[in-house]
Amino acid sequence: MVQRADINNVLSEIRNLRTQMMQNQRVEQDNGIRGRVDNPARVSEPREVPAFSDMLSQAVGSVNDVQQNANHLRTAYDMGDPSVDITRVMIASQKASVSFDALTQVRNRVVKAYEDIMNMPV
């Protein structure tokens, strides 16, 4: 019976600790809400946005890098390099294909937007 009393004491202490933790969490949440209401966030300065031509040239460069990597892996596999397996070659080839298709779609959209703008009445 002595052990039973010890277990009950331990359980009651755990319950007390849990209620104290819950109260502390409520206080922290209340303080966090008050801090957001009392001290609103300041407006940050606008970031510099890169030019469209820079973004486009980066995209073309990354597609070119992916295609060169795929060609390098393909050549290494054709030459019999044991460190290059067919799965890596095929994955690199598919990445190059998908990235080129995406770049082509972007180019088509840009050309279409340019044509739409040029056809607008002034």
N, C-alpha and C. Protein backbone atom coordinates (compact mmCIF):
# COMPACT_ATOMS: atom_id res chain seq x y z
N MET A 1 0.81 -1.19 0.00
CA MET A 1 0.00 0.00 0.00
C MET A 1 0.86 1.25 0.00
N VAL A 2 2.06 1.13 0.53
CA VAL A 2 2.96 2.26 0.59
C VAL A 2 3.33 2.71 -0.82
N GLN A 3 3.57 1.75 -1.73
CA GLN A 3 3.90 2.08 -3.10
C GLN A 3 2.75 2.81 -3.78
N ARG A 4 1.55 2.43 -3.48
CA ARG A 4 0.38 3.04 -4.08
C ARG A 4 0.30 4.52 -3.72
N ALA A 5 0.62 4.85 -2.50
CA ALA A 5 0.59 6.25 -2.07
C ALA A 5 1.67 7.04 -2.78
N ASP A 6 2.84 6.42 -2.98
CA ASP A 6 3.92 7.10 -3.70
C ASP A 6 3.53 7.38 -5.15
N ILE A 7 2.89 6.42 -5.77
CA ILE A 7 2.46 6.60 -7.15
C ILE A 7 1.43 7.71 -7.24
N ASN A 8 0.50 7.73 -6.31
CA ASN A 8 -0.50 8.79 -6.30
C ASN A 8 0.15 10.15 -6.11
N ASN A 9 1.15 10.23 -5.23
CA ASN A 9 1.86 11.49 -5.03
C ASN A 9 2.56 11.93 -6.32
N VAL A 10 3.20 10.99 -6.99
CA VAL A 10 3.90 11.30 -8.24
C VAL A 10 2.90 11.77 -9.29
N LEU A 11 1.79 11.08 -9.39
CA LEU A 11 0.77 11.48 -10.37
C LEU A 11 0.21 12.86 -10.06
N SER A 12 0.00 13.16 -8.81
CA SER A 12 -0.52 14.49 -8.47
C SER A 12 0.52 15.57 -8.76
N GLU A 13 1.80 15.28 -8.55
CA GLU A 13 2.84 16.25 -8.88
C GLU A 13 2.91 16.48 -10.39
N ILE A 14 2.76 15.40 -11.15
CA ILE A 14 2.77 15.53 -12.62
C ILE A 14 1.59 16.38 -13.07
N ARG A 15 0.43 16.16 -12.48
CA ARG A 15 -0.74 16.96 -12.84
C ARG A 15 -0.52 18.43 -12.50
N ASN A 16 0.07 18.70 -11.34
CA ASN A 16 0.35 20.08 -10.94
C ASN A 16 1.32 20.74 -11.91
N LEU A 17 2.37 20.01 -12.29
CA LEU A 17 3.33 20.55 -13.25
C LEU A 17 2.68 20.83 -14.59
N ARG A 18 1.79 19.94 -15.00
CA ARG A 18 1.11 20.14 -16.28
C ARG A 18 0.22 21.37 -16.24
N THR A 19 -0.49 21.59 -15.17
CA THR A 19 -1.34 22.79 -15.08
C THR A 19 -0.49 24.05 -15.05
N GLN A 20 0.66 23.99 -14.38
CA GLN A 20 1.55 25.16 -14.37
C GLN A 20 2.08 25.44 -15.76
N MET A 21 2.43 24.40 -16.49
CA MET A 21 2.92 24.59 -17.85
C MET A 21 1.83 25.18 -18.74
N MET A 22 0.62 24.70 -18.60
CA MET A 22 -0.49 25.22 -19.40
C MET A 22 -0.73 26.69 -19.09
N GLN A 23 -0.64 27.07 -17.82
CA GLN A 23 -0.81 28.48 -17.45
C GLN A 23 0.30 29.32 -18.04
N ASN A 24 1.54 28.83 -17.99
CA ASN A 24 2.66 29.58 -18.57
C ASN A 24 2.50 29.74 -20.07
N GLN A 25 2.01 28.70 -20.74
CA GLN A 25 1.79 28.81 -22.18
C GLN A 25 0.71 29.83 -22.49
N ARG A 26 -0.34 29.86 -21.70
CA ARG A 26 -1.41 30.85 -21.93
C ARG A 26 -0.87 32.26 -21.74
N VAL A 27 -0.05 32.46 -20.72
CA VAL A 27 0.53 33.78 -20.47
C VAL A 27 1.43 34.19 -21.64
N GLU A 28 2.25 33.26 -22.13
CA GLU A 28 3.12 33.56 -23.25
C GLU A 28 2.31 33.89 -24.50
N GLN A 29 1.24 33.16 -24.74
CA GLN A 29 0.40 33.43 -25.89
C GLN A 29 -0.27 34.80 -25.75
N ASP A 30 -0.75 35.12 -24.57
CA ASP A 30 -1.37 36.43 -24.35
C ASP A 30 -0.36 37.54 -24.57
N ASN A 31 0.86 37.37 -24.07
CA ASN A 31 1.90 38.38 -24.27
C ASN A 31 2.27 38.51 -25.74
N GLY A 32 2.29 37.40 -26.45
CA GLY A 32 2.59 37.44 -27.88
C GLY A 32 1.51 38.19 -28.64
N ILE A 33 0.26 37.97 -28.28
CA ILE A 33 -0.84 38.67 -28.94
C ILE A 33 -0.79 40.15 -28.61
N ARG A 34 -0.53 40.47 -27.35
CA ARG A 34 -0.44 41.89 -26.97
C ARG A 34 0.72 42.56 -27.69
N GLY A 35 1.83 41.86 -27.83
CA GLY A 35 2.98 42.43 -28.52
C GLY A 35 2.68 42.72 -29.98
N ARG A 36 1.93 41.84 -30.62
CA ARG A 36 1.58 42.07 -32.03
C ARG A 36 0.59 43.20 -32.17
N VAL A 37 -0.31 43.36 -31.20
CA VAL A 37 -1.31 44.43 -31.29
C VAL A 37 -0.68 45.76 -30.88
N ASP A 38 0.10 45.76 -29.81
CA ASP A 38 0.69 47.00 -29.32
C ASP A 38 1.82 47.51 -30.21
N ASN A 39 2.61 46.61 -30.76
CA ASN A 39 3.75 46.99 -31.60
C ASN A 39 3.58 46.38 -32.98
N PRO A 40 2.86 47.05 -33.87
CA PRO A 40 2.67 46.47 -35.20
C PRO A 40 4.01 46.39 -35.95
N ALA A 41 4.08 45.46 -36.84
CA ALA A 41 5.30 45.27 -37.61
C ALA A 41 5.55 46.47 -38.50
N ARG A 42 6.81 46.82 -38.60
CA ARG A 42 7.17 47.95 -39.45
C ARG A 42 7.24 47.50 -40.89
N VAL A 43 6.99 48.43 -41.77
CA VAL A 43 7.04 48.14 -43.19
C VAL A 43 8.50 48.07 -43.60
N SER A 44 8.87 46.98 -44.22
CA SER A 44 10.26 46.83 -44.63
C SER A 44 10.48 47.56 -45.95
N GLU A 45 11.72 47.92 -46.17
CA GLU A 45 12.05 48.61 -47.41
C GLU A 45 11.93 47.64 -48.57
N PRO A 46 11.50 48.13 -49.71
CA PRO A 46 11.32 47.23 -50.86
C PRO A 46 12.66 46.67 -51.32
N ARG A 47 12.64 45.40 -51.67
CA ARG A 47 13.85 44.76 -52.19
C ARG A 47 14.01 45.10 -53.65
N GLU A 48 15.23 45.05 -54.09
CA GLU A 48 15.49 45.32 -55.50
C GLU A 48 15.13 44.06 -56.29
N VAL A 49 14.31 44.24 -57.29
CA VAL A 49 13.85 43.13 -58.11
C VAL A 49 14.78 43.01 -59.31
N PRO A 50 15.25 41.78 -59.60
CA PRO A 50 16.15 41.64 -60.75
C PRO A 50 15.40 41.92 -62.06
N ALA A 51 16.14 42.35 -63.04
CA ALA A 51 15.56 42.67 -64.34
C ALA A 51 15.10 41.38 -65.03
N PHE A 52 14.11 41.53 -65.88
CA PHE A 52 13.57 40.37 -66.58
C PHE A 52 14.64 39.74 -67.47
N SER A 53 15.45 40.57 -68.10
CA SER A 53 16.49 40.04 -68.98
C SER A 53 17.50 39.22 -68.19
N ASP A 54 17.81 39.65 -66.95
CA ASP A 54 18.73 38.88 -66.12
C ASP A 54 18.12 37.53 -65.74
N MET A 55 16.85 37.55 -65.39
CA MET A 55 16.18 36.30 -65.03
C MET A 55 16.13 35.35 -66.23
N LEU A 56 15.85 35.89 -67.40
CA LEU A 56 15.78 35.06 -68.60
C LEU A 56 17.14 34.49 -68.95
N SER A 57 18.19 35.31 -68.84
CA SER A 57 19.53 34.80 -69.15
C SER A 57 19.96 33.75 -68.13
N GLN A 58 19.57 33.90 -66.87
CA GLN A 58 19.86 32.87 -65.87
C GLN A 58 19.15 31.57 -66.21
N ALA A 59 17.91 31.67 -66.65
CA ALA A 59 17.15 30.47 -67.01
C ALA A 59 17.79 29.76 -68.19
N VAL A 60 18.18 30.53 -69.20
CA VAL A 60 18.83 29.93 -70.37
C VAL A 60 20.15 29.28 -69.96
N GLY A 61 20.90 29.96 -69.10
CA GLY A 61 22.17 29.41 -68.64
C GLY A 61 21.99 28.13 -67.85
N SER A 62 20.99 28.07 -66.99
CA SER A 62 20.78 26.84 -66.21
C SER A 62 20.31 25.69 -67.10
N VAL A 63 19.48 25.98 -68.10
CA VAL A 63 19.06 24.92 -69.03
C VAL A 63 20.27 24.43 -69.81
N ASN A 64 21.13 25.35 -70.21
CA ASN A 64 22.34 24.96 -70.93
C ASN A 64 23.23 24.08 -70.06
N ASP A 65 23.37 24.42 -68.78
CA ASP A 65 24.18 23.61 -67.87
C ASP A 65 23.61 22.21 -67.72
N VAL A 66 22.29 22.11 -67.60
CA VAL A 66 21.65 20.80 -67.45
C VAL A 66 21.86 19.96 -68.71
N GLN A 67 21.76 20.59 -69.88
CA GLN A 67 21.96 19.84 -71.13
C GLN A 67 23.41 19.41 -71.30
N GLN A 68 24.34 20.27 -70.91
CA GLN A 68 25.75 19.88 -71.02
C GLN A 68 26.07 18.73 -70.06
N ASN A 69 25.49 18.77 -68.87
CA ASN A 69 25.69 17.68 -67.91
C ASN A 69 25.14 16.38 -68.49
N ALA A 70 23.97 16.43 -69.09
CA ALA A 70 23.37 15.22 -69.67
C ALA A 70 24.24 14.70 -70.82
N ASN A 71 24.76 15.59 -71.65
CA ASN A 71 25.63 15.17 -72.75
C ASN A 71 26.93 14.58 -72.23
N HIS A 72 27.48 15.16 -71.17
CA HIS A 72 28.71 14.64 -70.58
C HIS A 72 28.48 13.23 -70.03
N LEU A 73 27.38 13.04 -69.31
CA LEU A 73 27.08 11.72 -68.77
C LEU A 73 26.84 10.70 -69.88
N ARG A 74 26.15 11.11 -70.93
CA ARG A 74 25.88 10.21 -72.05
C ARG A 74 27.19 9.78 -72.71
N THR A 75 28.08 10.75 -72.92
CA THR A 75 29.36 10.44 -73.54
C THR A 75 30.19 9.52 -72.64
N ALA A 76 30.19 9.79 -71.34
CA ALA A 76 30.94 8.94 -70.41
C ALA A 76 30.38 7.52 -70.41
N TYR A 77 29.07 7.39 -70.48
CA TYR A 77 28.47 6.05 -70.51
C TYR A 77 28.81 5.33 -71.81
N ASP A 78 28.78 6.07 -72.93
CA ASP A 78 29.12 5.47 -74.22
C ASP A 78 30.58 5.03 -74.27
N MET A 79 31.45 5.74 -73.56
CA MET A 79 32.87 5.40 -73.54
C MET A 79 33.15 4.24 -72.59
N GLY A 80 32.16 3.82 -71.80
CA GLY A 80 32.33 2.67 -70.91
C GLY A 80 32.82 3.02 -69.52
N ASP A 81 32.58 4.25 -69.08
CA ASP A 81 33.00 4.66 -67.73
C ASP A 81 32.20 3.85 -66.70
N PRO A 82 32.89 3.11 -65.82
CA PRO A 82 32.16 2.26 -64.86
C PRO A 82 31.45 3.05 -63.76
N SER A 83 31.81 4.31 -63.55
CA SER A 83 31.17 5.10 -62.50
C SER A 83 29.84 5.70 -62.95
N VAL A 84 29.52 5.58 -64.24
CA VAL A 84 28.27 6.14 -64.77
C VAL A 84 27.36 4.99 -65.15
N ASP A 85 26.19 4.97 -64.53
CA ASP A 85 25.23 3.92 -64.88
C ASP A 85 24.11 4.51 -65.73
N ILE A 86 23.35 3.63 -66.34
CA ILE A 86 22.33 4.04 -67.30
C ILE A 86 21.22 4.85 -66.64
N THR A 87 20.92 4.58 -65.37
CA THR A 87 19.84 5.33 -64.71
C THR A 87 20.21 6.80 -64.56
N ARG A 88 21.47 7.06 -64.19
CA ARG A 88 21.90 8.47 -64.08
C ARG A 88 21.83 9.16 -65.43
N VAL A 89 22.22 8.44 -66.49
CA VAL A 89 22.19 9.02 -67.84
C VAL A 89 20.76 9.33 -68.25
N MET A 90 19.85 8.42 -67.99
CA MET A 90 18.45 8.63 -68.39
C MET A 90 17.80 9.74 -67.57
N ILE A 91 18.09 9.80 -66.27
CA ILE A 91 17.51 10.85 -65.44
C ILE A 91 18.03 12.21 -65.90
N ALA A 92 19.33 12.30 -66.16
CA ALA A 92 19.90 13.57 -66.62
C ALA A 92 19.31 13.96 -67.98
N SER A 93 19.11 12.98 -68.83
CA SER A 93 18.52 13.25 -70.15
C SER A 93 17.08 13.76 -70.01
N GLN A 94 16.31 13.17 -69.13
CA GLN A 94 14.93 13.61 -68.92
C GLN A 94 14.88 15.00 -68.29
N LYS A 95 15.79 15.28 -67.35
CA LYS A 95 15.86 16.61 -66.76
C LYS A 95 16.15 17.65 -67.84
N ALA A 96 17.09 17.33 -68.72
CA ALA A 96 17.43 18.26 -69.80
C ALA A 96 16.24 18.48 -70.73
N SER A 97 15.54 17.40 -71.02
CA SER A 97 14.38 17.50 -71.91
C SER A 97 13.26 18.34 -71.28
N VAL A 98 12.97 18.09 -70.02
CA VAL A 98 11.90 18.82 -69.34
C VAL A 98 12.27 20.30 -69.19
N SER A 99 13.52 20.57 -68.84
CA SER A 99 13.92 21.97 -68.67
C SER A 99 13.89 22.71 -70.00
N PHE A 100 14.28 22.04 -71.08
CA PHE A 100 14.22 22.69 -72.39
C PHE A 100 12.78 22.94 -72.81
N ASP A 101 11.89 21.98 -72.56
CA ASP A 101 10.47 22.18 -72.87
C ASP A 101 9.89 23.34 -72.07
N ALA A 102 10.25 23.44 -70.80
CA ALA A 102 9.75 24.55 -69.97
C ALA A 102 10.26 25.88 -70.48
N LEU A 103 11.53 25.93 -70.86
CA LEU A 103 12.09 27.17 -71.40
C LEU A 103 11.42 27.54 -72.72
N THR A 104 11.12 26.55 -73.54
CA THR A 104 10.42 26.81 -74.80
C THR A 104 9.03 27.38 -74.53
N GLN A 105 8.33 26.85 -73.54
CA GLN A 105 7.01 27.37 -73.19
C GLN A 105 7.09 28.81 -72.70
N VAL A 106 8.10 29.11 -71.90
CA VAL A 106 8.27 30.48 -71.43
C VAL A 106 8.53 31.41 -72.60
N ARG A 107 9.40 30.98 -73.50
CA ARG A 107 9.69 31.79 -74.68
C ARG A 107 8.42 32.03 -75.51
N ASN A 108 7.62 30.99 -75.70
CA ASN A 108 6.39 31.14 -76.47
C ASN A 108 5.43 32.13 -75.80
N ARG A 109 5.34 32.07 -74.47
CA ARG A 109 4.46 33.00 -73.76
C ARG A 109 4.96 34.43 -73.87
N VAL A 110 6.28 34.61 -73.79
CA VAL A 110 6.84 35.97 -73.90
C VAL A 110 6.60 36.52 -75.30
N VAL A 111 6.79 35.70 -76.32
CA VAL A 111 6.55 36.15 -77.69
C VAL A 111 5.08 36.48 -77.89
N LYS A 112 4.20 35.66 -77.34
CA LYS A 112 2.75 35.92 -77.46
C LYS A 112 2.37 37.22 -76.75
N ALA A 113 2.94 37.45 -75.56
CA ALA A 113 2.65 38.69 -74.84
C ALA A 113 3.17 39.89 -75.62
N TYR A 114 4.33 39.76 -76.22
CA TYR A 114 4.89 40.86 -77.02
C TYR A 114 4.00 41.15 -78.22
N GLU A 115 3.54 40.07 -78.88
CA GLU A 115 2.64 40.27 -80.03
C GLU A 115 1.33 40.93 -79.61
N ASP A 116 0.78 40.52 -78.46
CA ASP A 116 -0.45 41.13 -77.96
C ASP A 116 -0.26 42.61 -77.68
N ILE A 117 0.86 42.95 -77.08
CA ILE A 117 1.13 44.36 -76.77
C ILE A 117 1.31 45.17 -78.06
N MET A 118 2.00 44.59 -79.02
CA MET A 118 2.22 45.32 -80.28
C MET A 118 0.93 45.49 -81.06
N ASN A 119 -0.03 44.59 -80.89
CA ASN A 119 -1.30 44.68 -81.63
C ASN A 119 -2.34 45.54 -80.91
N MET A 120 -2.02 46.08 -79.74
CA MET A 120 -2.96 46.92 -79.02
C MET A 120 -3.10 48.26 -79.74
N PRO A 121 -4.35 48.73 -79.81
CA PRO A 121 -4.51 50.06 -80.42
C PRO A 121 -4.02 51.14 -79.46
N VAL A 122 -3.42 52.13 -80.05
CA VAL A 122 -2.86 53.21 -79.22
C VAL A 122 -3.84 54.35 -79.10
